[in-house]
Amino acid sequence: MKSPCVAKCKNNAGICGGCLRTMSEISHWIAYPEQQQLAIMADIKAIKATHQCPQCQQPAQCDIKAGKATCWCFNIEPRQTLPGSVATCLCRHCLSSQPIL
């Protein structure tokens, strides 16, 4: 798969402001098999959404809710989240715009 870079790169404390991949996903991208690359892009686009983002109401994806042991958001710097939203993850776009703790 071709790189999903959209040439709007800005490291927002661990998540790219352009393509919304984590720095870990970006740095390992070329080594990932195509199936894993496609799965990451599907997660970013919330094709298999696990819930709605409590901030923007758009589909969002949480790896833990999808049955994985860890989540993509563990690879970015911790952010402040909305009061009362501890149990519901923000989408990548909304989380990347939150203040860093």
Foldseek 3Di string as FASTA:
>chain_A
DDDPFPPQFDQLQQAGLGLRAGPVCVVCVVVDDPVVVVVVSCQLVLVVALAAAPPPRHGHHFVVSVPDPHGRVVRGADFDDDVPCPVPDHHSNVRSPGHGD
